[in-house]
């Protein structure tokens, strides 16, 4: 449903999307995990009356330089530099890995 609707806008979180049913949070969905790793473990079937809640975007970090896909990415509390490089689709061939 999120992909068909165009997903969250620039102010919405991609890391903490909630599915609410009967006033309870059923699952919290990390769209980065699905898009980058194909992880659909938090994907559930929607039912009539379900609400998809997209909270405001969380902490952001900019990745620039010799990476395949520079950009501004939303991070969570456990994000490591290696996670950021994976999200930015890795380093360019000419990247100097001795210093980041």
PDB file of N, CA and C in Angstrom:
ATOM      1  N   UNK A   1       0.828  -1.195   0.000  1.00  0.00           N
ATOM      2  CA  UNK A   1       0.000   0.000   0.000  1.00  0.00           C
ATOM      3  C   UNK A   1       0.866   1.251   0.000  1.00  0.00           C
ATOM      4  N   UNK A   2       1.982   1.206   0.740  1.00  0.00           N
ATOM      5  CA  UNK A   2       2.860   2.378   0.789  1.00  0.00           C
ATOM      6  C   UNK A   2       3.488   2.672  -0.568  1.00  0.00           C
ATOM      7  N   UNK A   3       3.939   1.646  -1.247  1.00  0.00           N
ATOM      8  CA  UNK A   3       4.567   1.864  -2.548  1.00  0.00           C
ATOM      9  C   UNK A   3       3.562   2.370  -3.566  1.00  0.00           C
ATOM     10  N   UNK A   4       2.358   1.820  -3.559  1.00  0.00           N
ATOM     11  CA  UNK A   4       1.319   2.233  -4.506  1.00  0.00           C
ATOM     12  C   UNK A   4       0.905   3.684  -4.263  1.00  0.00           C
ATOM     13  N   UNK A   5       0.869   4.095  -2.999  1.00  0.00           N
ATOM     14  CA  UNK A   5       0.447   5.462  -2.666  1.00  0.00           C
ATOM     15  C   UNK A   5       1.551   6.495  -2.841  1.00  0.00           C
ATOM     16  N   UNK A   6       2.756   6.064  -3.162  1.00  0.00           N
ATOM     17  CA  UNK A   6       3.866   7.001  -3.337  1.00  0.00           C
ATOM     18  C   UNK A   6       4.748   7.114  -2.119  1.00  0.00           C
ATOM     19  N   UNK A   7       4.399   6.442  -1.037  1.00  0.00           N
ATOM     20  CA  UNK A   7       5.221   6.422   0.162  1.00  0.00           C
ATOM     21  C   UNK A   7       5.145   7.721   0.946  1.00  0.00           C
ATOM     22  N   UNK A   8       5.908   7.800   2.030  1.00  0.00           N
ATOM     23  CA  UNK A   8       5.918   9.017   2.843  1.00  0.00           C
ATOM     24  C   UNK A   8       6.503  10.195   2.070  1.00  0.00           C
ATOM     25  N   UNK A   9       6.098  11.416   2.445  1.00  0.00           N
ATOM     26  CA  UNK A   9       6.712  12.581   1.824  1.00  0.00           C
ATOM     27  C   UNK A   9       8.035  12.886   2.537  1.00  0.00           C
ATOM     28  N   UNK A  10       8.667  13.980   2.202  1.00  0.00           N
ATOM     29  CA  UNK A  10       9.991  14.305   2.745  1.00  0.00           C
ATOM     30  C   UNK A  10       9.976  14.494   4.257  1.00  0.00           C
ATOM     31  N   UNK A  11       8.827  14.776   4.835  1.00  0.00           N
ATOM     32  CA  UNK A  11       8.750  14.989   6.284  1.00  0.00           C
ATOM     33  C   UNK A  11       8.391  13.724   7.054  1.00  0.00           C
ATOM     34  N   UNK A  12       8.128  12.634   6.351  1.00  0.00           N
ATOM     35  CA  UNK A  12       7.699  11.401   7.003  1.00  0.00           C
ATOM     36  C   UNK A  12       8.840  10.413   7.157  1.00  0.00           C
ATOM     37  N   UNK A  13       8.786   9.642   8.225  1.00  0.00           N
ATOM     38  CA  UNK A  13       9.806   8.640   8.526  1.00  0.00           C
ATOM     39  C   UNK A  13       9.712   7.460   7.571  1.00  0.00           C
ATOM     40  N   UNK A  14      10.848   6.945   7.175  1.00  0.00           N
ATOM     41  CA  UNK A  14      10.908   5.686   6.431  1.00  0.00           C
ATOM     42  C   UNK A  14      11.308   4.542   7.360  1.00  0.00           C
ATOM     43  N   UNK A  15      11.707   4.873   8.587  1.00  0.00           N
ATOM     44  CA  UNK A  15      12.250   3.881   9.501  1.00  0.00           C
ATOM     45  C   UNK A  15      11.258   3.386  10.546  1.00  0.00           C
ATOM     46  N   UNK A  16      10.170   4.106  10.790  1.00  0.00           N
ATOM     47  CA  UNK A  16       9.271   3.770  11.898  1.00  0.00           C
ATOM     48  C   UNK A  16       7.795   3.832  11.485  1.00  0.00           C
ATOM     49  N   UNK A  17       7.438   3.275  10.363  1.00  0.00           N
ATOM     50  CA  UNK A  17       6.060   3.302   9.877  1.00  0.00           C
ATOM     51  C   UNK A  17       5.245   2.300  10.695  1.00  0.00           C
ATOM     52  N   UNK A  18       4.119   2.742  11.213  1.00  0.00           N
ATOM     53  CA  UNK A  18       3.315   1.904  12.094  1.00  0.00           C
ATOM     54  C   UNK A  18       2.013   1.474  11.418  1.00  0.00           C
ATOM     55  N   UNK A  19       1.634   0.226  11.633  1.00  0.00           N
ATOM     56  CA  UNK A  19       0.325  -0.257  11.226  1.00  0.00           C
ATOM     57  C   UNK A  19      -0.505  -0.386  12.494  1.00  0.00           C
ATOM     58  N   UNK A  20      -1.624   0.350  12.522  1.00  0.00           N
ATOM     59  CA  UNK A  20      -2.501   0.346  13.695  1.00  0.00           C
ATOM     60  C   UNK A  20      -3.816  -0.340  13.340  1.00  0.00           C
ATOM     61  N   UNK A  21      -4.269  -1.180  14.262  1.00  0.00           N
ATOM     62  CA  UNK A  21      -5.519  -1.905  14.087  1.00  0.00           C
ATOM     63  C   UNK A  21      -6.277  -1.874  15.414  1.00  0.00           C
ATOM     64  N   UNK A  22      -7.507  -1.375  15.361  1.00  0.00           N
ATOM     65  CA  UNK A  22      -8.339  -1.285  16.569  1.00  0.00           C
ATOM     66  C   UNK A  22      -7.626  -0.538  17.700  1.00  0.00           C
ATOM     67  N   UNK A  23      -6.913   0.527  17.347  1.00  0.00           N
ATOM     68  CA  UNK A  23      -6.253   1.351  18.350  1.00  0.00           C
ATOM     69  C   UNK A  23      -4.934   0.818  18.869  1.00  0.00           C
ATOM     70  N   UNK A  24      -4.492  -0.336  18.363  1.00  0.00           N
ATOM     71  CA  UNK A  24      -3.209  -0.917  18.796  1.00  0.00           C
ATOM     72  C   UNK A  24      -2.222  -0.928  17.645  1.00  0.00           C
ATOM     73  N   UNK A  25      -0.941  -0.761  17.951  1.00  0.00           N
ATOM     74  CA  UNK A  25       0.102  -0.887  16.938  1.00  0.00           C
ATOM     75  C   UNK A  25       0.369  -2.366  16.712  1.00  0.00           C
ATOM     76  N   UNK A  26       0.145  -2.821  15.481  1.00  0.00           N
ATOM     77  CA  UNK A  26       0.335  -4.228  15.116  1.00  0.00           C
ATOM     78  C   UNK A  26       1.789  -4.506  14.754  1.00  0.00           C
ATOM     79  N   UNK A  27       2.391  -3.605  13.996  1.00  0.00           N
ATOM     80  CA  UNK A  27       3.781  -3.777  13.588  1.00  0.00           C
ATOM     81  C   UNK A  27       4.392  -2.417  13.303  1.00  0.00           C
ATOM     82  N   UNK A  28       5.708  -2.348  13.412  1.00  0.00           N
ATOM     83  CA  UNK A  28       6.475  -1.165  13.029  1.00  0.00           C
ATOM     84  C   UNK A  28       7.347  -1.605  11.866  1.00  0.00           C
ATOM     85  N   UNK A  29       7.252  -0.880  10.766  1.00  0.00           N
ATOM     86  CA  UNK A  29       7.858  -1.271   9.501  1.00  0.00           C
ATOM     87  C   UNK A  29       9.023  -0.352   9.159  1.00  0.00           C
ATOM     88  N   UNK A  30      10.153  -0.924   8.795  1.00  0.00           N
ATOM     89  CA  UNK A  30      11.319  -0.166   8.354  1.00  0.00           C
ATOM     90  C   UNK A  30      11.411  -0.294   6.831  1.00  0.00           C
ATOM     91  N   UNK A  31      11.017   0.758   6.122  1.00  0.00           N
ATOM     92  CA  UNK A  31      11.002   0.698   4.668  1.00  0.00           C
ATOM     93  C   UNK A  31      12.413   0.553   4.091  1.00  0.00           C
ATOM     94  N   UNK A  32      13.448   1.091   4.780  1.00  0.00           N
ATOM     95  CA  UNK A  32      14.823   0.909   4.321  1.00  0.00           C
ATOM     96  C   UNK A  32      15.163  -0.583   4.247  1.00  0.00           C
ATOM     97  N   UNK A  33      14.771  -1.350   5.261  1.00  0.00           N
ATOM     98  CA  UNK A  33      15.069  -2.784   5.278  1.00  0.00           C
ATOM     99  C   UNK A  33      14.433  -3.484   4.086  1.00  0.00           C
ATOM    100  N   UNK A  34      13.218  -3.078   3.742  1.00  0.00           N
ATOM    101  CA  UNK A  34      12.558  -3.706   2.598  1.00  0.00           C
ATOM    102  C   UNK A  34      13.211  -3.291   1.280  1.00  0.00           C
ATOM    103  N   UNK A  35      13.468  -2.007   1.112  1.00  0.00           N
ATOM    104  CA  UNK A  35      14.009  -1.527  -0.160  1.00  0.00           C
ATOM    105  C   UNK A  35      15.455  -1.948  -0.384  1.00  0.00           C
ATOM    106  N   UNK A  36      16.256  -1.941   0.678  1.00  0.00           N
ATOM    107  CA  UNK A  36      17.685  -2.226   0.521  1.00  0.00           C
ATOM    108  C   UNK A  36      18.017  -3.716   0.627  1.00  0.00           C
ATOM    109  N   UNK A  37      17.290  -4.437   1.473  1.00  0.00           N
ATOM    110  CA  UNK A  37      17.637  -5.829   1.746  1.00  0.00           C
ATOM    111  C   UNK A  37      16.548  -6.820   1.345  1.00  0.00           C
ATOM    112  N   UNK A  38      15.399  -6.307   0.908  1.00  0.00           N
ATOM    113  CA  UNK A  38      14.290  -7.193   0.565  1.00  0.00           C
ATOM    114  C   UNK A  38      13.644  -7.834   1.778  1.00  0.00           C
ATOM    115  N   UNK A  39      13.866  -7.267   2.956  1.00  0.00           N
ATOM    116  CA  UNK A  39      13.322  -7.818   4.201  1.00  0.00           C
ATOM    117  C   UNK A  39      11.851  -7.450   4.333  1.00  0.00           C
ATOM    118  N   UNK A  40      10.993  -8.425   4.164  1.00  0.00           N
ATOM    119  CA  UNK A  40       9.551  -8.207   4.291  1.00  0.00           C
ATOM    120  C   UNK A  40       9.008  -8.865   5.558  1.00  0.00           C
ATOM    121  N   UNK A  41       9.871  -9.088   6.544  1.00  0.00           N
ATOM    122  CA  UNK A  41       9.457  -9.800   7.752  1.00  0.00           C
ATOM    123  C   UNK A  41       8.403  -9.034   8.550  1.00  0.00           C
ATOM    124  N   UNK A  42       8.342  -7.726   8.430  1.00  0.00           N
ATOM    125  CA  UNK A  42       7.344  -6.939   9.151  1.00  0.00           C
ATOM    126  C   UNK A  42       6.127  -6.615   8.281  1.00  0.00           C
ATOM    127  N   UNK A  43       6.101  -7.149   7.075  1.00  0.00           N
ATOM    128  CA  UNK A  43       4.990  -6.923   6.155  1.00  0.00           C
ATOM    129  C   UNK A  43       3.797  -7.778   6.579  1.00  0.00           C
ATOM    130  N   UNK A  44       2.639  -7.171   6.720  1.00  0.00           N
ATOM    131  CA  UNK A  44       1.432  -7.904   7.101  1.00  0.00           C
ATOM    132  C   UNK A  44       0.294  -7.532   6.158  1.00  0.00           C
ATOM    133  N   UNK A  45      -0.695  -8.382   6.090  1.00  0.00           N
ATOM    134  CA  UNK A  45      -1.861  -8.138   5.240  1.00  0.00           C
ATOM    135  C   UNK A  45      -2.742  -7.070   5.882  1.00  0.00           C
ATOM    136  N   UNK A  46      -3.114  -6.086   5.081  1.00  0.00           N
ATOM    137  CA  UNK A  46      -3.997  -5.035   5.575  1.00  0.00           C
ATOM    138  C   UNK A  46      -5.425  -5.547   5.690  1.00  0.00           C
ATOM    139  N   UNK A  47      -6.146  -4.999   6.677  1.00  0.00           N
ATOM    140  CA  UNK A  47      -7.542  -5.333   6.872  1.00  0.00           C
ATOM    141  C   UNK A  47      -8.353  -4.046   6.858  1.00  0.00           C
ATOM    142  N   UNK A  48      -9.639  -4.179   6.606  1.00  0.00           N
ATOM    143  CA  UNK A  48     -10.538  -3.032   6.618  1.00  0.00           C
ATOM    144  C   UNK A  48     -10.421  -2.307   7.951  1.00  0.00           C
ATOM    145  N   UNK A  49     -10.250  -0.993   7.882  1.00  0.00           N
ATOM    146  CA  UNK A  49     -10.151  -0.182   9.091  1.00  0.00           C
ATOM    147  C   UNK A  49      -8.740   0.029   9.588  1.00  0.00           C
ATOM    148  N   UNK A  50      -7.748  -0.644   8.992  1.00  0.00           N
ATOM    149  CA  UNK A  50      -6.363  -0.443   9.402  1.00  0.00           C
ATOM    150  C   UNK A  50      -5.922   0.985   9.086  1.00  0.00           C
ATOM    151  N   UNK A  51      -4.991   1.478   9.878  1.00  0.00           N
ATOM    152  CA  UNK A  51      -4.428   2.805   9.679  1.00  0.00           C
ATOM    153  C   UNK A  51      -2.923   2.665   9.547  1.00  0.00           C
ATOM    154  N   UNK A  52      -2.362   3.255   8.499  1.00  0.00           N
ATOM    155  CA  UNK A  52      -0.913   3.316   8.351  1.00  0.00           C
ATOM    156  C   UNK A  52      -0.499   4.692   8.839  1.00  0.00           C
ATOM    157  N   UNK A  53       0.250   4.711   9.943  1.00  0.00           N
ATOM    158  CA  UNK A  53       0.697   5.963  10.547  1.00  0.00           C
ATOM    159  C   UNK A  53       2.168   6.170  10.219  1.00  0.00           C
ATOM    160  N   UNK A  54       2.454   7.319   9.631  1.00  0.00           N
ATOM    161  CA  UNK A  54       3.838   7.668   9.295  1.00  0.00           C
ATOM    162  C   UNK A  54       4.234   8.855  10.170  1.00  0.00           C
ATOM    163  N   UNK A  55       5.063   8.610  11.191  1.00  0.00           N
ATOM    164  CA  UNK A  55       5.472   9.696  12.080  1.00  0.00           C
ATOM    165  C   UNK A  55       6.453  10.631  11.373  1.00  0.00           C
ATOM    166  N   UNK A  56       6.761  11.776  11.989  1.00  0.00           N
ATOM    167  CA  UNK A  56       7.755  12.677  11.401  1.00  0.00           C
ATOM    168  C   UNK A  56       9.114  11.985  11.272  1.00  0.00           C
ATOM    169  N   UNK A  57       9.867  12.411  10.300  1.00  0.00           N
ATOM    170  CA  UNK A  57      11.196  11.849  10.061  1.00  0.00           C
ATOM    171  C   UNK A  57      12.063  12.010  11.310  1.00  0.00           C
ATOM    172  N   UNK A  58      12.919  11.019  11.542  1.00  0.00           N
ATOM    173  CA  UNK A  58      13.826  11.042  12.689  1.00  0.00           C
ATOM    174  C   UNK A  58      15.150  11.696  12.336  1.00  0.00           C
ATOM    175  N   UNK A  59      16.186  11.308  13.044  1.00  0.00           N
ATOM    176  CA  UNK A  59      17.525  11.865  12.835  1.00  0.00           C
ATOM    177  C   UNK A  59      18.005  11.579  11.409  1.00  0.00           C
ATOM    178  N   UNK A  60      18.615  12.587  10.800  1.00  0.00           N
ATOM    179  CA  UNK A  60      19.107  12.471   9.426  1.00  0.00           C
ATOM    180  C   UNK A  60      20.618  12.644   9.392  1.00  0.00           C
ATOM    181  N   UNK A  61      21.230  12.033   8.391  1.00  0.00           N
ATOM    182  CA  UNK A  61      22.666  12.209   8.187  1.00  0.00           C
ATOM    183  C   UNK A  61      22.931  12.309   6.692  1.00  0.00           C
ATOM    184  N   UNK A  62      23.841  13.187   6.317  1.00  0.00           N
ATOM    185  CA  UNK A  62      24.211  13.338   4.918  1.00  0.00           C
ATOM    186  C   UNK A  62      25.415  12.480   4.587  1.00  0.00           C
ATOM    187  N   UNK A  63      25.356  11.805   3.454  1.00  0.00           N
ATOM    188  CA  UNK A  63      26.477  11.003   2.967  1.00  0.00           C
ATOM    189  C   UNK A  63      26.880  11.588   1.624  1.00  0.00           C
ATOM    190  N   UNK A  64      28.134  12.020   1.528  1.00  0.00           N
ATOM    191  CA  UNK A  64      28.622  12.652   0.303  1.00  0.00           C
ATOM    192  C   UNK A  64      30.019  12.131  -0.008  1.00  0.00           C
ATOM    193  N   UNK A  65      30.508  12.483  -1.156  1.00  0.00           N
ATOM    194  CA  UNK A  65      31.862  12.076  -1.544  1.00  0.00           C
ATOM    195  C   UNK A  65      31.830  10.889  -2.480  1.00  0.00           C
ATOM    196  N   UNK A  66      32.788  10.011  -2.322  1.00  0.00           N
ATOM    197  CA  UNK A  66      32.993   8.897  -3.240  1.00  0.00           C
ATOM    198  C   UNK A  66      32.101   7.694  -2.927  1.00  0.00           C
ATOM    199  N   UNK A  67      30.791   7.930  -2.922  1.00  0.00           N
ATOM    200  CA  UNK A  67      29.821   6.847  -2.753  1.00  0.00           C
ATOM    201  C   UNK A  67      28.947   6.785  -4.004  1.00  0.00           C
ATOM    202  N   UNK A  68      28.334   5.640  -4.219  1.00  0.00           N
ATOM    203  CA  UNK A  68      27.510   5.449  -5.413  1.00  0.00           C
ATOM    204  C   UNK A  68      26.256   6.319  -5.403  1.00  0.00           C
ATOM    205  N   UNK A  69      25.652   6.500  -4.216  1.00  0.00           N
ATOM    206  CA  UNK A  69      24.396   7.239  -4.137  1.00  0.00           C
ATOM    207  C   UNK A  69      24.438   8.212  -2.962  1.00  0.00           C
ATOM    208  N   UNK A  70      25.070   9.387  -3.158  1.00  0.00           N
ATOM    209  CA  UNK A  70      25.083  10.372  -2.082  1.00  0.00           C
ATOM    210  C   UNK A  70      23.661  10.820  -1.756  1.00  0.00           C
ATOM    211  N   UNK A  71      23.434  11.186  -0.525  1.00  0.00           N
ATOM    212  CA  UNK A  71      22.103  11.642  -0.156  1.00  0.00           C
ATOM    213  C   UNK A  71      21.976  11.900   1.322  1.00  0.00           C
ATOM    214  N   UNK A  72      20.776  12.220   1.710  1.00  0.00           N
ATOM    215  CA  UNK A  72      20.443  12.422   3.114  1.00  0.00           C
ATOM    216  C   UNK A  72      19.591  11.234   3.526  1.00  0.00           C
ATOM    217  N   UNK A  73      20.031  10.534   4.555  1.00  0.00           N
ATOM    218  CA  UNK A  73      19.385   9.301   4.979  1.00  0.00           C
ATOM    219  C   UNK A  73      18.927   9.397   6.429  1.00  0.00           C
ATOM    220  N   UNK A  74      17.788   8.778   6.702  1.00  0.00           N
ATOM    221  CA  UNK A  74      17.298   8.702   8.070  1.00  0.00           C
ATOM    222  C   UNK A  74      18.026   7.560   8.778  1.00  0.00           C
ATOM    223  N   UNK A  75      18.463   7.816   9.988  1.00  0.00           N
ATOM    224  CA  UNK A  75      19.188   6.791  10.734  1.00  0.00           C
ATOM    225  C   UNK A  75      18.383   6.400  11.970  1.00  0.00           C
ATOM    226  N   UNK A  76      18.714   5.239  12.500  1.00  0.00           N
ATOM    227  CA  UNK A  76      18.145   4.842  13.783  1.00  0.00           C
ATOM    228  C   UNK A  76      19.282   4.762  14.800  1.00  0.00           C
ATOM    229  N   UNK A  77      18.985   4.427  16.017  1.00  0.00           N
ATOM    230  CA  UNK A  77      19.978   4.450  17.083  1.00  0.00           C
ATOM    231  C   UNK A  77      21.138   3.495  16.900  1.00  0.00           C
ATOM    232  N   UNK A  78      20.966   2.469  16.095  1.00  0.00           N
ATOM    233  CA  UNK A  78      22.017   1.465  15.940  1.00  0.00           C
ATOM    234  C   UNK A  78      22.750   1.560  14.597  1.00  0.00           C
ATOM    235  N   UNK A  79      22.602   2.654  13.875  1.00  0.00           N
ATOM    236  CA  UNK A  79      23.229   2.788  12.561  1.00  0.00           C
ATOM    237  C   UNK A  79      24.740   2.929  12.691  1.00  0.00           C
ATOM    238  N   UNK A  80      25.480   2.104  11.944  1.00  0.00           N
ATOM    239  CA  UNK A  80      26.945   2.156  11.921  1.00  0.00           C
ATOM    240  C   UNK A  80      27.385   2.745  10.582  1.00  0.00           C
ATOM    241  N   UNK A  81      28.644   3.127  10.488  1.00  0.00           N
ATOM    242  CA  UNK A  81      29.181   3.664   9.232  1.00  0.00           C
ATOM    243  C   UNK A  81      29.016   2.636   8.115  1.00  0.00           C
ATOM    244  N   UNK A  82      29.239   1.375   8.404  1.00  0.00           N
ATOM    245  CA  UNK A  82      29.077   0.337   7.372  1.00  0.00           C
ATOM    246  C   UNK A  82      27.634   0.275   6.867  1.00  0.00           C
ATOM    247  N   UNK A  83      26.660   0.515   7.773  1.00  0.00           N
ATOM    248  CA  UNK A  83      25.249   0.560   7.360  1.00  0.00           C
ATOM    249  C   UNK A  83      25.010   1.730   6.413  1.00  0.00           C
ATOM    250  N   UNK A  84      25.595   2.878   6.715  1.00  0.00           N
ATOM    251  CA  UNK A  84      25.438   4.055   5.859  1.00  0.00           C
ATOM    252  C   UNK A  84      26.030   3.819   4.477  1.00  0.00           C
ATOM    253  N   UNK A  85      27.206   3.199   4.434  1.00  0.00           N
ATOM    254  CA  UNK A  85      27.837   2.911   3.142  1.00  0.00           C
ATOM    255  C   UNK A  85      26.981   1.926   2.338  1.00  0.00           C
ATOM    256  N   UNK A  86      26.379   0.961   3.011  1.00  0.00           N
ATOM    257  CA  UNK A  86      25.483   0.016   2.334  1.00  0.00           C
ATOM    258  C   UNK A  86      24.270   0.756   1.781  1.00  0.00           C
ATOM    259  N   UNK A  87      23.699   1.649   2.584  1.00  0.00           N
ATOM    260  CA  UNK A  87      22.535   2.416   2.153  1.00  0.00           C
ATOM    261  C   UNK A  87      22.885   3.321   0.977  1.00  0.00           C
ATOM    262  N   UNK A  88      24.094   3.853   0.963  1.00  0.00           N
ATOM    263  CA  UNK A  88      24.548   4.709  -0.132  1.00  0.00           C
ATOM    264  C   UNK A  88      25.079   3.882  -1.305  1.00  0.00           C
ATOM    265  N   UNK A  89      24.795   2.611  -1.335  1.00  0.00           N
ATOM    266  CA  UNK A  89      25.114   1.654  -2.398  1.00  0.00           C
ATOM    267  C   UNK A  89      26.619   1.462  -2.571  1.00  0.00           C
ATOM    268  N   UNK A  90      27.372   1.683  -1.531  1.00  0.00           N
ATOM    269  CA  UNK A  90      28.799   1.384  -1.544  1.00  0.00           C
ATOM    270  C   UNK A  90      29.666   2.524  -2.053  1.00  0.00           C
ATOM    271  N   UNK A  91      30.951   2.259  -2.023  1.00  0.00           N
ATOM    272  CA  UNK A  91      31.954   3.252  -2.438  1.00  0.00           C
ATOM    273  C   UNK A  91      32.194   3.193  -3.933  1.00  0.00           C
ATOM    274  N   UNK A  92      32.612   4.331  -4.499  1.00  0.00           N
ATOM    275  CA  UNK A  92      33.052   4.378  -5.891  1.00  0.00           C
ATOM    276  C   UNK A  92      34.410   3.686  -6.002  1.00  0.00           C
ATOM    277  N   UNK A  93      34.770   3.317  -7.195  1.00  0.00           N
ATOM    278  CA  UNK A  93      36.041   2.605  -7.420  1.00  0.00           C
ATOM    279  C   UNK A  93      37.247   3.433  -6.978  1.00  0.00           C
ATOM    280  N   UNK A  94      37.165   4.754  -7.094  1.00  0.00           N
ATOM    281  CA  UNK A  94      38.304   5.603  -6.739  1.00  0.00           C
ATOM    282  C   UNK A  94      38.338   6.051  -5.300  1.00  0.00           C
ATOM    283  N   UNK A  95      37.485   5.516  -4.465  1.00  0.00           N
ATOM    284  CA  UNK A  95      37.406   5.956  -3.071  1.00  0.00           C
ATOM    285  C   UNK A  95      38.631   5.533  -2.297  1.00  0.00           C
ATOM    286  N   UNK A  96      39.136   6.448  -1.474  1.00  0.00           N
ATOM    287  CA  UNK A  96      40.248   6.156  -0.573  1.00  0.00           C
ATOM    288  C   UNK A  96      39.658   5.635   0.732  1.00  0.00           C
ATOM    289  N   UNK A  97      39.919   4.376   1.051  1.00  0.00           N
ATOM    290  CA  UNK A  97      39.291   3.769   2.223  1.00  0.00           C
ATOM    291  C   UNK A  97      40.108   3.942   3.497  1.00  0.00           C
ATOM    292  N   UNK A  98      41.227   4.596   3.413  1.00  0.00           N
ATOM    293  CA  UNK A  98      42.068   4.804   4.596  1.00  0.00           C
ATOM    294  C   UNK A  98      41.512   5.838   5.547  1.00  0.00           C
ATOM    295  N   UNK A  99      40.546   6.643   5.082  1.00  0.00           N
ATOM    296  CA  UNK A  99      39.964   7.670   5.943  1.00  0.00           C
ATOM    297  C   UNK A  99      38.554   7.968   5.480  1.00  0.00           C
ATOM    298  N   UNK A 100      37.651   7.998   6.463  1.00  0.00           N
ATOM    299  CA  UNK A 100      36.264   8.319   6.133  1.00  0.00           C
ATOM    300  C   UNK A 100      35.837   9.497   6.971  1.00  0.00           C
TER     301      UNK A 100
END
